Amino acid sequence: MKKFKLKTHKSTVKRFKLSGSGKVYRLEQQKRNNAHLRSKKTRRQKVLLQDRLVITSKGNIKKIKRLLHV
């Protein structure tokens, strides 16, 4: 029987990142939306947009990792 490759959930890939230790990170909502037209923003503004929040809910972490196929 032929096995099929699992496809990753693309919108999840865009919203969440995994650290080397397996923690799940996301950007704050307003910071995700402010990434538009970055060339006009100062270096300080771009640095401030890089802040990330760690997801602590075990249930959410499990769901996100399943969508990312990790």
Foldseek 3Di string as FASTA:
>chain_A
DDDDDDDADVVLVVAWDADPVGWIKGFDPVLVVVVPPCVPDDPVVVVVSPDIDTDDDPVVSVVSCVNRVD
